[in-house]
Amino acid sequence: MKKQYFVRAEWDDEAKCWYVSDTNVPGLAADAETIPQLTQKLLSMVSDLLIENSRSKKPIKFQLETSQKTELLACA
């Protein structure tokens, strides 16, 4: 059975960017202002890291999960 790889990204409201908050891809750390920008980075980085670690040239699939929490403040 092939190992399934995942990347979880969360929004950092203070830094105003998406960042990798959890992953099982060894050595992966990335951030970007938008999900499309982060996805583009990850397409290259995940492949490079996994090929480097496994010495394999086979196509690699990974799942990207995103989460953004928003606090709503009510005025009295």
Protein backbone atom coordinates (compact mmCIF):
# COMPACT_ATOMS: atom_id res chain seq x y z
CA MET A 1 0.00 0.00 0.00
CA LYS A 2 1.30 3.44 -0.95
CA LYS A 3 1.91 5.89 1.86
CA GLN A 4 -0.52 8.79 1.79
CA TYR A 5 0.98 12.22 2.36
CA PHE A 6 -0.88 15.20 3.73
CA VAL A 7 -0.26 18.88 4.33
CA ARG A 8 -2.43 20.91 6.68
CA ALA A 9 -2.30 24.69 6.27
CA GLU A 10 -3.71 27.30 8.60
CA TRP A 11 -4.17 31.04 8.33
CA ASP A 12 -1.99 33.23 10.55
CA ASP A 13 -4.06 36.38 11.03
CA GLU A 14 -1.17 38.31 12.57
CA ALA A 15 1.30 37.52 9.76
CA LYS A 16 -1.48 37.56 7.11
CA CYS A 17 -0.35 34.34 5.46
CA TRP A 18 -1.10 30.63 5.13
CA TYR A 19 1.48 28.31 6.68
CA VAL A 20 2.04 24.56 6.92
CA SER A 21 0.84 23.68 10.41
CA ASP A 22 1.05 19.88 10.16
CA THR A 23 2.40 17.37 7.65
CA ASN A 24 3.97 13.96 7.36
CA VAL A 25 6.34 15.16 4.61
CA PRO A 26 9.80 15.21 6.23
CA GLY A 27 11.42 18.66 6.25
CA LEU A 28 8.45 20.58 4.81
CA ALA A 29 7.96 24.17 5.94
CA ALA A 30 6.29 26.80 3.77
CA ASP A 31 4.05 29.84 3.83
CA ALA A 32 2.35 32.11 1.31
CA GLU A 33 -0.18 34.94 1.13
CA THR A 34 -2.81 32.90 -0.73
CA ILE A 35 -3.86 29.26 -1.08
CA PRO A 36 -2.99 29.22 -4.83
CA GLN A 37 0.50 30.56 -4.03
CA LEU A 38 0.97 28.00 -1.26
CA THR A 39 -0.29 25.20 -3.49
CA GLN A 40 2.20 26.17 -6.21
CA LYS A 41 5.06 26.12 -3.68
CA LEU A 42 3.93 22.78 -2.29
CA LEU A 43 3.73 21.12 -5.71
CA SER A 44 7.44 21.67 -6.13
CA MET A 45 8.60 21.31 -2.53
CA VAL A 46 6.69 18.12 -1.66
CA SER A 47 7.93 16.32 -4.77
CA ASP A 48 11.51 17.45 -4.21
CA LEU A 49 11.54 16.44 -0.54
CA LEU A 50 9.91 13.05 -1.07
CA ILE A 51 12.06 12.17 -4.07
CA GLU A 52 15.15 13.22 -2.12
CA ASN A 53 14.12 11.11 0.89
CA SER A 54 12.95 8.04 -1.05
CA ARG A 55 15.22 8.20 -4.08
CA SER A 56 12.12 7.53 -6.17
CA LYS A 57 11.10 9.23 -9.39
CA LYS A 58 7.47 8.01 -9.25
CA PRO A 59 4.61 10.56 -9.20
CA ILE A 60 3.61 11.48 -5.67
CA LYS A 61 0.14 12.44 -4.47
CA PHE A 62 -0.62 14.50 -1.39
CA GLN A 63 -3.71 15.97 0.21
CA LEU A 64 -3.85 19.68 1.12
CA GLU A 65 -6.25 20.63 3.92
CA THR A 66 -6.80 24.29 4.83
CA SER A 67 -8.41 25.90 7.85
CA GLN A 68 -9.15 29.52 8.66
CA LYS A 69 -10.68 30.59 11.95
CA THR A 70 -12.41 33.94 12.19
CA GLU A 71 -13.43 35.64 15.39
CA LEU A 72 -16.50 37.83 15.26
CA LEU A 73 -16.76 40.56 17.83
CA ALA A 74 -20.15 41.98 18.74
CA CYS A 75 -20.42 45.61 19.75
CA ALA A 76 -22.69 46.37 22.69
